[in-house]
Amino acid sequence: MRPLLQRLTSRKFILALVAALIAFIQGLYPDFPGEAAKTVVLALLGYVAAEAAVDAAAQLAKWATSKRGENDVNTNGGE
């Protein structure tokens, strides 16, 4: 498990905070251009989703590699 400071400084967390801040500003200032805020928030959240997909793919590849290694040991160990 990662330390709290490392989690708070992650790109995904910071971008999610920026997206929340922009949504909050739009709530405080109704004349804030809604389309601009929506575009920024969606772009930031899209980036966060893409980073999460990359992380998930890396974990899946790591898991598949470890399973392949276990299967090789089990297959060759019976000789």
PDB file of N, CA and C in Angstrom:
ATOM      1  N   MET A   1       0.835  -1.175   0.000  1.00  0.00           N
ATOM      2  CA  MET A   1       0.000   0.000   0.000  1.00  0.00           C
ATOM      3  C   MET A   1       0.888   1.251   0.000  1.00  0.00           C
ATOM      4  N   ARG A   2       0.485   2.236  -0.794  1.00  0.00           N
ATOM      5  CA  ARG A   2       1.313   3.441  -0.931  1.00  0.00           C
ATOM      6  C   ARG A   2       1.072   4.404   0.231  1.00  0.00           C
ATOM      7  N   PRO A   3       2.107   5.176   0.603  1.00  0.00           N
ATOM      8  CA  PRO A   3       1.936   6.166   1.671  1.00  0.00           C
ATOM      9  C   PRO A   3       0.968   7.280   1.243  1.00  0.00           C
ATOM     10  N   LEU A   4       0.392   7.934   2.240  1.00  0.00           N
ATOM     11  CA  LEU A   4      -0.615   8.966   1.987  1.00  0.00           C
ATOM     12  C   LEU A   4      -0.053  10.109   1.141  1.00  0.00           C
ATOM     13  N   LEU A   5       1.153  10.568   1.432  1.00  0.00           N
ATOM     14  CA  LEU A   5       1.728  11.689   0.683  1.00  0.00           C
ATOM     15  C   LEU A   5       1.883  11.342  -0.794  1.00  0.00           C
ATOM     16  N   GLN A   6       2.284  10.112  -1.079  1.00  0.00           N
ATOM     17  CA  GLN A   6       2.434   9.692  -2.474  1.00  0.00           C
ATOM     18  C   GLN A   6       1.082   9.653  -3.170  1.00  0.00           C
ATOM     19  N   ARG A   7       0.051   9.244  -2.468  1.00  0.00           N
ATOM     20  CA  ARG A   7      -1.294   9.235  -3.054  1.00  0.00           C
ATOM     21  C   ARG A   7      -1.795  10.653  -3.328  1.00  0.00           C
ATOM     22  N   LEU A   8      -1.529  11.567  -2.395  1.00  0.00           N
ATOM     23  CA  LEU A   8      -2.009  12.938  -2.551  1.00  0.00           C
ATOM     24  C   LEU A   8      -1.301  13.685  -3.672  1.00  0.00           C
ATOM     25  N   THR A   9      -0.121  13.246  -4.045  1.00  0.00           N
ATOM     26  CA  THR A   9       0.616  13.917  -5.115  1.00  0.00           C
ATOM     27  C   THR A   9       0.520  13.172  -6.452  1.00  0.00           C
ATOM     28  N   SER A  10      -0.342  12.178  -6.541  1.00  0.00           N
ATOM     29  CA  SER A  10      -0.486  11.462  -7.811  1.00  0.00           C
ATOM     30  C   SER A  10      -1.201  12.341  -8.836  1.00  0.00           C
ATOM     31  N   ARG A  11      -0.866  12.144 -10.106  1.00  0.00           N
ATOM     32  CA  ARG A  11      -1.477  12.947 -11.170  1.00  0.00           C
ATOM     33  C   ARG A  11      -2.983  12.760 -11.213  1.00  0.00           C
ATOM     34  N   LYS A  12      -3.437  11.530 -11.042  1.00  0.00           N
ATOM     35  CA  LYS A  12      -4.878  11.269 -11.111  1.00  0.00           C
ATOM     36  C   LYS A  12      -5.617  12.009 -10.002  1.00  0.00           C
ATOM     37  N   PHE A  13      -5.071  12.004  -8.795  1.00  0.00           N
ATOM     38  CA  PHE A  13      -5.725  12.677  -7.681  1.00  0.00           C
ATOM     39  C   PHE A  13      -5.759  14.186  -7.884  1.00  0.00           C
ATOM     40  N   ILE A  14      -4.634  14.751  -8.322  1.00  0.00           N
ATOM     41  CA  ILE A  14      -4.574  16.200  -8.530  1.00  0.00           C
ATOM     42  C   ILE A  14      -5.548  16.628  -9.630  1.00  0.00           C
ATOM     43  N   LEU A  15      -5.610  15.869 -10.720  1.00  0.00           N
ATOM     44  CA  LEU A  15      -6.537  16.220 -11.799  1.00  0.00           C
ATOM     45  C   LEU A  15      -7.987  16.082 -11.359  1.00  0.00           C
ATOM     46  N   ALA A  16      -8.287  15.092 -10.548  1.00  0.00           N
ATOM     47  CA  ALA A  16      -9.647  14.953 -10.031  1.00  0.00           C
ATOM     48  C   ALA A  16      -9.998  16.140  -9.134  1.00  0.00           C
ATOM     49  N   LEU A  17      -9.032  16.610  -8.341  1.00  0.00           N
ATOM     50  CA  LEU A  17      -9.274  17.799  -7.512  1.00  0.00           C
ATOM     51  C   LEU A  17      -9.508  19.041  -8.365  1.00  0.00           C
ATOM     52  N   VAL A  18      -8.737  19.195  -9.433  1.00  0.00           N
ATOM     53  CA  VAL A  18      -8.918  20.344 -10.329  1.00  0.00           C
ATOM     54  C   VAL A  18     -10.305  20.292 -10.972  1.00  0.00           C
ATOM     55  N   ALA A  19     -10.721  19.127 -11.397  1.00  0.00           N
ATOM     56  CA  ALA A  19     -12.048  18.983 -12.001  1.00  0.00           C
ATOM     57  C   ALA A  19     -13.136  19.335 -10.992  1.00  0.00           C
ATOM     58  N   ALA A  20     -12.975  18.892  -9.746  1.00  0.00           N
ATOM     59  CA  ALA A  20     -13.948  19.215  -8.708  1.00  0.00           C
ATOM     60  C   ALA A  20     -13.944  20.718  -8.417  1.00  0.00           C
ATOM     61  N   LEU A  21     -12.776  21.331  -8.423  1.00  0.00           N
ATOM     62  CA  LEU A  21     -12.671  22.766  -8.176  1.00  0.00           C
ATOM     63  C   LEU A  21     -13.377  23.564  -9.281  1.00  0.00           C
ATOM     64  N   ILE A  22     -13.208  23.158 -10.508  1.00  0.00           N
ATOM     65  CA  ILE A  22     -13.870  23.862 -11.616  1.00  0.00           C
ATOM     66  C   ILE A  22     -15.388  23.715 -11.500  1.00  0.00           C
ATOM     67  N   ALA A  23     -15.849  22.529 -11.152  1.00  0.00           N
ATOM     68  CA  ALA A  23     -17.294  22.341 -10.966  1.00  0.00           C
ATOM     69  C   ALA A  23     -17.803  23.200  -9.812  1.00  0.00           C
ATOM     70  N   PHE A  24     -17.007  23.309  -8.736  1.00  0.00           N
ATOM     71  CA  PHE A  24     -17.375  24.134  -7.590  1.00  0.00           C
ATOM     72  C   PHE A  24     -17.439  25.611  -7.980  1.00  0.00           C
ATOM     73  N   ILE A  25     -16.459  26.074  -8.749  1.00  0.00           N
ATOM     74  CA  ILE A  25     -16.441  27.475  -9.200  1.00  0.00           C
ATOM     75  C   ILE A  25     -17.669  27.769 -10.057  1.00  0.00           C
ATOM     76  N   GLN A  26     -18.020  26.824 -10.901  1.00  0.00           N
ATOM     77  CA  GLN A  26     -19.203  27.018 -11.737  1.00  0.00           C
ATOM     78  C   GLN A  26     -20.458  27.131 -10.878  1.00  0.00           C
ATOM     79  N   GLY A  27     -20.498  26.405  -9.779  1.00  0.00           N
ATOM     80  CA  GLY A  27     -21.643  26.505  -8.868  1.00  0.00           C
ATOM     81  C   GLY A  27     -21.692  27.842  -8.155  1.00  0.00           C
ATOM     82  N   LEU A  28     -20.522  28.395  -7.801  1.00  0.00           N
ATOM     83  CA  LEU A  28     -20.481  29.684  -7.109  1.00  0.00           C
ATOM     84  C   LEU A  28     -20.759  30.858  -8.035  1.00  0.00           C
ATOM     85  N   TYR A  29     -20.286  30.749  -9.262  1.00  0.00           N
ATOM     86  CA  TYR A  29     -20.449  31.839 -10.229  1.00  0.00           C
ATOM     87  C   TYR A  29     -21.298  31.338 -11.396  1.00  0.00           C
ATOM     88  N   PRO A  30     -22.593  31.551 -11.324  1.00  0.00           N
ATOM     89  CA  PRO A  30     -23.477  31.029 -12.375  1.00  0.00           C
ATOM     90  C   PRO A  30     -23.174  31.592 -13.768  1.00  0.00           C
ATOM     91  N   ASP A  31     -22.543  32.768 -13.846  1.00  0.00           N
ATOM     92  CA  ASP A  31     -22.231  33.346 -15.151  1.00  0.00           C
ATOM     93  C   ASP A  31     -20.927  32.789 -15.736  1.00  0.00           C
ATOM     94  N   PHE A  32     -20.263  31.902 -15.001  1.00  0.00           N
ATOM     95  CA  PHE A  32     -19.065  31.236 -15.511  1.00  0.00           C
ATOM     96  C   PHE A  32     -19.479  30.410 -16.731  1.00  0.00           C
ATOM     97  N   PRO A  33     -18.728  30.487 -17.838  1.00  0.00           N
ATOM     98  CA  PRO A  33     -19.142  29.783 -19.052  1.00  0.00           C
ATOM     99  C   PRO A  33     -19.252  28.277 -18.822  1.00  0.00           C
ATOM    100  N   GLY A  34     -20.469  27.800 -18.871  1.00  0.00           N
ATOM    101  CA  GLY A  34     -20.742  26.392 -18.582  1.00  0.00           C
ATOM    102  C   GLY A  34     -20.105  25.443 -19.573  1.00  0.00           C
ATOM    103  N   GLU A  35     -20.100  25.806 -20.833  1.00  0.00           N
ATOM    104  CA  GLU A  35     -19.524  24.919 -21.852  1.00  0.00           C
ATOM    105  C   GLU A  35     -18.017  24.782 -21.665  1.00  0.00           C
ATOM    106  N   ALA A  36     -17.349  25.871 -21.295  1.00  0.00           N
ATOM    107  CA  ALA A  36     -15.900  25.810 -21.051  1.00  0.00           C
ATOM    108  C   ALA A  36     -15.596  24.934 -19.845  1.00  0.00           C
ATOM    109  N   ALA A  37     -16.362  25.101 -18.779  1.00  0.00           N
ATOM    110  CA  ALA A  37     -16.146  24.292 -17.578  1.00  0.00           C
ATOM    111  C   ALA A  37     -16.403  22.819 -17.878  1.00  0.00           C
ATOM    112  N   LYS A  38     -17.458  22.542 -18.613  1.00  0.00           N
ATOM    113  CA  LYS A  38     -17.787  21.156 -18.954  1.00  0.00           C
ATOM    114  C   LYS A  38     -16.669  20.527 -19.787  1.00  0.00           C
ATOM    115  N   THR A  39     -16.134  21.280 -20.731  1.00  0.00           N
ATOM    116  CA  THR A  39     -15.063  20.766 -21.575  1.00  0.00           C
ATOM    117  C   THR A  39     -13.813  20.452 -20.759  1.00  0.00           C
ATOM    118  N   VAL A  40     -13.436  21.350 -19.861  1.00  0.00           N
ATOM    119  CA  VAL A  40     -12.240  21.139 -19.037  1.00  0.00           C
ATOM    120  C   VAL A  40     -12.434  19.941 -18.107  1.00  0.00           C
ATOM    121  N   VAL A  41     -13.585  19.875 -17.453  1.00  0.00           N
ATOM    122  CA  VAL A  41     -13.844  18.777 -16.520  1.00  0.00           C
ATOM    123  C   VAL A  41     -13.852  17.439 -17.251  1.00  0.00           C
ATOM    124  N   LEU A  42     -14.513  17.373 -18.385  1.00  0.00           N
ATOM    125  CA  LEU A  42     -14.566  16.111 -19.128  1.00  0.00           C
ATOM    126  C   LEU A  42     -13.193  15.702 -19.657  1.00  0.00           C
ATOM    127  N   ALA A  43     -12.396  16.679 -20.087  1.00  0.00           N
ATOM    128  CA  ALA A  43     -11.048  16.358 -20.559  1.00  0.00           C
ATOM    129  C   ALA A  43     -10.183  15.829 -19.421  1.00  0.00           C
ATOM    130  N   LEU A  44     -10.260  16.458 -18.264  1.00  0.00           N
ATOM    131  CA  LEU A  44      -9.470  16.007 -17.122  1.00  0.00           C
ATOM    132  C   LEU A  44      -9.915  14.623 -16.648  1.00  0.00           C
ATOM    133  N   LEU A  45     -11.206  14.419 -16.560  1.00  0.00           N
ATOM    134  CA  LEU A  45     -11.696  13.111 -16.127  1.00  0.00           C
ATOM    135  C   LEU A  45     -11.408  12.034 -17.170  1.00  0.00           C
ATOM    136  N   GLY A  46     -11.409  12.399 -18.435  1.00  0.00           N
ATOM    137  CA  GLY A  46     -11.022  11.452 -19.473  1.00  0.00           C
ATOM    138  C   GLY A  46      -9.569  11.040 -19.332  1.00  0.00           C
ATOM    139  N   TYR A  47      -8.719  11.983 -18.997  1.00  0.00           N
ATOM    140  CA  TYR A  47      -7.304  11.670 -18.779  1.00  0.00           C
ATOM    141  C   TYR A  47      -7.139  10.740 -17.577  1.00  0.00           C
ATOM    142  N   VAL A  48      -7.886  11.015 -16.518  1.00  0.00           N
ATOM    143  CA  VAL A  48      -7.828  10.153 -15.333  1.00  0.00           C
ATOM    144  C   VAL A  48      -8.274   8.739 -15.693  1.00  0.00           C
ATOM    145  N   ALA A  49      -9.335   8.610 -16.484  1.00  0.00           N
ATOM    146  CA  ALA A  49      -9.817   7.289 -16.894  1.00  0.00           C
ATOM    147  C   ALA A  49      -8.778   6.574 -17.754  1.00  0.00           C
ATOM    148  N   ALA A  50      -8.118   7.311 -18.644  1.00  0.00           N
ATOM    149  CA  ALA A  50      -7.086   6.700 -19.485  1.00  0.00           C
ATOM    150  C   ALA A  50      -5.902   6.223 -18.647  1.00  0.00           C
ATOM    151  N   GLU A  51      -5.485   7.009 -17.666  1.00  0.00           N
ATOM    152  CA  GLU A  51      -4.396   6.606 -16.774  1.00  0.00           C
ATOM    153  C   GLU A  51      -4.792   5.363 -15.976  1.00  0.00           C
ATOM    154  N   ALA A  52      -6.038   5.315 -15.544  1.00  0.00           N
ATOM    155  CA  ALA A  52      -6.513   4.146 -14.799  1.00  0.00           C
ATOM    156  C   ALA A  52      -6.507   2.902 -15.691  1.00  0.00           C
ATOM    157  N   ALA A  53      -6.876   3.066 -16.949  1.00  0.00           N
ATOM    158  CA  ALA A  53      -6.861   1.931 -17.876  1.00  0.00           C
ATOM    159  C   ALA A  53      -5.431   1.439 -18.109  1.00  0.00           C
ATOM    160  N   VAL A  54      -4.482   2.359 -18.215  1.00  0.00           N
ATOM    161  CA  VAL A  54      -3.077   1.977 -18.385  1.00  0.00           C
ATOM    162  C   VAL A  54      -2.591   1.227 -17.142  1.00  0.00           C
ATOM    163  N   ASP A  55      -2.942   1.718 -15.961  1.00  0.00           N
ATOM    164  CA  ASP A  55      -2.557   1.039 -14.724  1.00  0.00           C
ATOM    165  C   ASP A  55      -3.166  -0.357 -14.650  1.00  0.00           C
ATOM    166  N   ALA A  56      -4.431  -0.481 -15.029  1.00  0.00           N
ATOM    167  CA  ALA A  56      -5.099  -1.783 -15.003  1.00  0.00           C
ATOM    168  C   ALA A  56      -4.450  -2.746 -15.990  1.00  0.00           C
ATOM    169  N   ALA A  57      -4.103  -2.264 -17.169  1.00  0.00           N
ATOM    170  CA  ALA A  57      -3.451  -3.119 -18.162  1.00  0.00           C
ATOM    171  C   ALA A  57      -2.082  -3.585 -17.660  1.00  0.00           C
ATOM    172  N   ALA A  58      -1.352  -2.708 -16.986  1.00  0.00           N
ATOM    173  CA  ALA A  58      -0.045  -3.083 -16.448  1.00  0.00           C
ATOM    174  C   ALA A  58      -0.196  -4.154 -15.368  1.00  0.00           C
ATOM    175  N   GLN A  59      -1.191  -3.995 -14.517  1.00  0.00           N
ATOM    176  CA  GLN A  59      -1.428  -4.999 -13.474  1.00  0.00           C
ATOM    177  C   GLN A  59      -1.857  -6.330 -14.078  1.00  0.00           C
ATOM    178  N   LEU A  60      -2.684  -6.279 -15.115  1.00  0.00           N
ATOM    179  CA  LEU A  60      -3.124  -7.503 -15.783  1.00  0.00           C
ATOM    180  C   LEU A  60      -1.939  -8.216 -16.441  1.00  0.00           C
ATOM    181  N   ALA A  61      -1.059  -7.458 -17.071  1.00  0.00           N
ATOM    182  CA  ALA A  61       0.121  -8.047 -17.694  1.00  0.00           C
ATOM    183  C   ALA A  61       1.031  -8.669 -16.637  1.00  0.00           C
ATOM    184  N   LYS A  62       1.174  -7.992 -15.502  1.00  0.00           N
ATOM    185  CA  LYS A  62       1.991  -8.520 -14.411  1.00  0.00           C
ATOM    186  C   LYS A  62       1.389  -9.821 -13.882  1.00  0.00           C
ATOM    187  N   TRP A  63       0.088  -9.849 -13.720  1.00  0.00           N
ATOM    188  CA  TRP A  63      -0.604 -11.050 -13.237  1.00  0.00           C
ATOM    189  C   TRP A  63      -0.451 -12.198 -14.236  1.00  0.00           C
ATOM    190  N   ALA A  64      -0.640 -11.905 -15.525  1.00  0.00           N
ATOM    191  CA  ALA A  64      -0.527 -12.941 -16.557  1.00  0.00           C
ATOM    192  C   ALA A  64       0.886 -13.505 -16.607  1.00  0.00           C
ATOM    193  N   THR A  65       1.880 -12.653 -16.451  1.00  0.00           N
ATOM    194  CA  THR A  65       3.267 -13.110 -16.453  1.00  0.00           C
ATOM    195  C   THR A  65       3.543 -14.021 -15.260  1.00  0.00           C
ATOM    196  N   SER A  66       3.017 -13.656 -14.104  1.00  0.00           N
ATOM    197  CA  SER A  66       3.237 -14.494 -12.919  1.00  0.00           C
ATOM    198  C   SER A  66       2.521 -15.832 -13.064  1.00  0.00           C
ATOM    199  N   LYS A  67       1.323 -15.843 -13.649  1.00  0.00           N
ATOM    200  CA  LYS A  67       0.598 -17.098 -13.868  1.00  0.00           C
ATOM    201  C   LYS A  67       1.338 -17.979 -14.873  1.00  0.00           C
ATOM    202  N   ARG A  68       1.879 -17.370 -15.909  1.00  0.00           N
ATOM    203  CA  ARG A  68       2.621 -18.124 -16.912  1.00  0.00           C
ATOM    204  C   ARG A  68       3.849 -18.765 -16.275  1.00  0.00           C
ATOM    205  N   GLY A  69       4.514 -18.031 -15.390  1.00  0.00           N
ATOM    206  CA  GLY A  69       5.676 -18.572 -14.686  1.00  0.00           C
ATOM    207  C   GLY A  69       5.301 -19.728 -13.769  1.00  0.00           C
ATOM    208  N   GLU A  70       4.166 -19.630 -13.108  1.00  0.00           N
ATOM    209  CA  GLU A  70       3.702 -20.730 -12.239  1.00  0.00           C
ATOM    210  C   GLU A  70       3.386 -21.960 -13.071  1.00  0.00           C
ATOM    211  N   ASN A  71       2.768 -21.775 -14.221  1.00  0.00           N
ATOM    212  CA  ASN A  71       2.427 -22.905 -15.078  1.00  0.00           C
ATOM    213  C   ASN A  71       3.681 -23.587 -15.616  1.00  0.00           C
ATOM    214  N   ASP A  72       4.713 -22.798 -15.934  1.00  0.00           N
ATOM    215  CA  ASP A  72       5.966 -23.381 -16.424  1.00  0.00           C
ATOM    216  C   ASP A  72       6.622 -24.231 -15.333  1.00  0.00           C
ATOM    217  N   VAL A  73       6.584 -23.753 -14.095  1.00  0.00           N
ATOM    218  CA  VAL A  73       7.191 -24.487 -12.992  1.00  0.00           C
ATOM    219  C   VAL A  73       6.403 -25.784 -12.754  1.00  0.00           C
ATOM    220  N   ASN A  74       5.078 -25.718 -12.789  1.00  0.00           N
ATOM    221  CA  ASN A  74       4.253 -26.900 -12.566  1.00  0.00           C
ATOM    222  C   ASN A  74       4.415 -27.914 -13.694  1.00  0.00           C
ATOM    223  N   THR A  75       4.547 -27.443 -14.914  1.00  0.00           N
ATOM    224  CA  THR A  75       4.682 -28.331 -16.058  1.00  0.00           C
ATOM    225  C   THR A  75       6.047 -29.009 -16.072  1.00  0.00           C
ATOM    226  N   ASN A  76       7.097 -28.246 -15.818  1.00  0.00           N
ATOM    227  CA  ASN A  76       8.458 -28.797 -15.866  1.00  0.00           C
ATOM    228  C   ASN A  76       8.849 -29.494 -14.568  1.00  0.00           C
ATOM    229  N   GLY A  77       8.142 -29.210 -13.486  1.00  0.00           N
ATOM    230  CA  GLY A  77       8.500 -29.793 -12.196  1.00  0.00           C
ATOM    231  C   GLY A  77       8.190 -31.261 -12.092  1.00  0.00           C
ATOM    232  N   GLY A  78       7.301 -31.811 -12.926  1.00  0.00           N
ATOM    233  CA  GLY A  78       6.907 -33.202 -12.830  1.00  0.00           C
ATOM    234  C   GLY A  78       7.847 -34.143 -13.535  1.00  0.00           C
ATOM    235  N   GLU A  79       8.867 -33.621 -14.207  1.00  0.00           N
ATOM    236  CA  GLU A  79       9.792 -34.490 -14.959  1.00  0.00           C
ATOM    237  C   GLU A  79      10.789 -35.171 -14.089  1.00  0.00           C
TER     238      GLU A  79
END
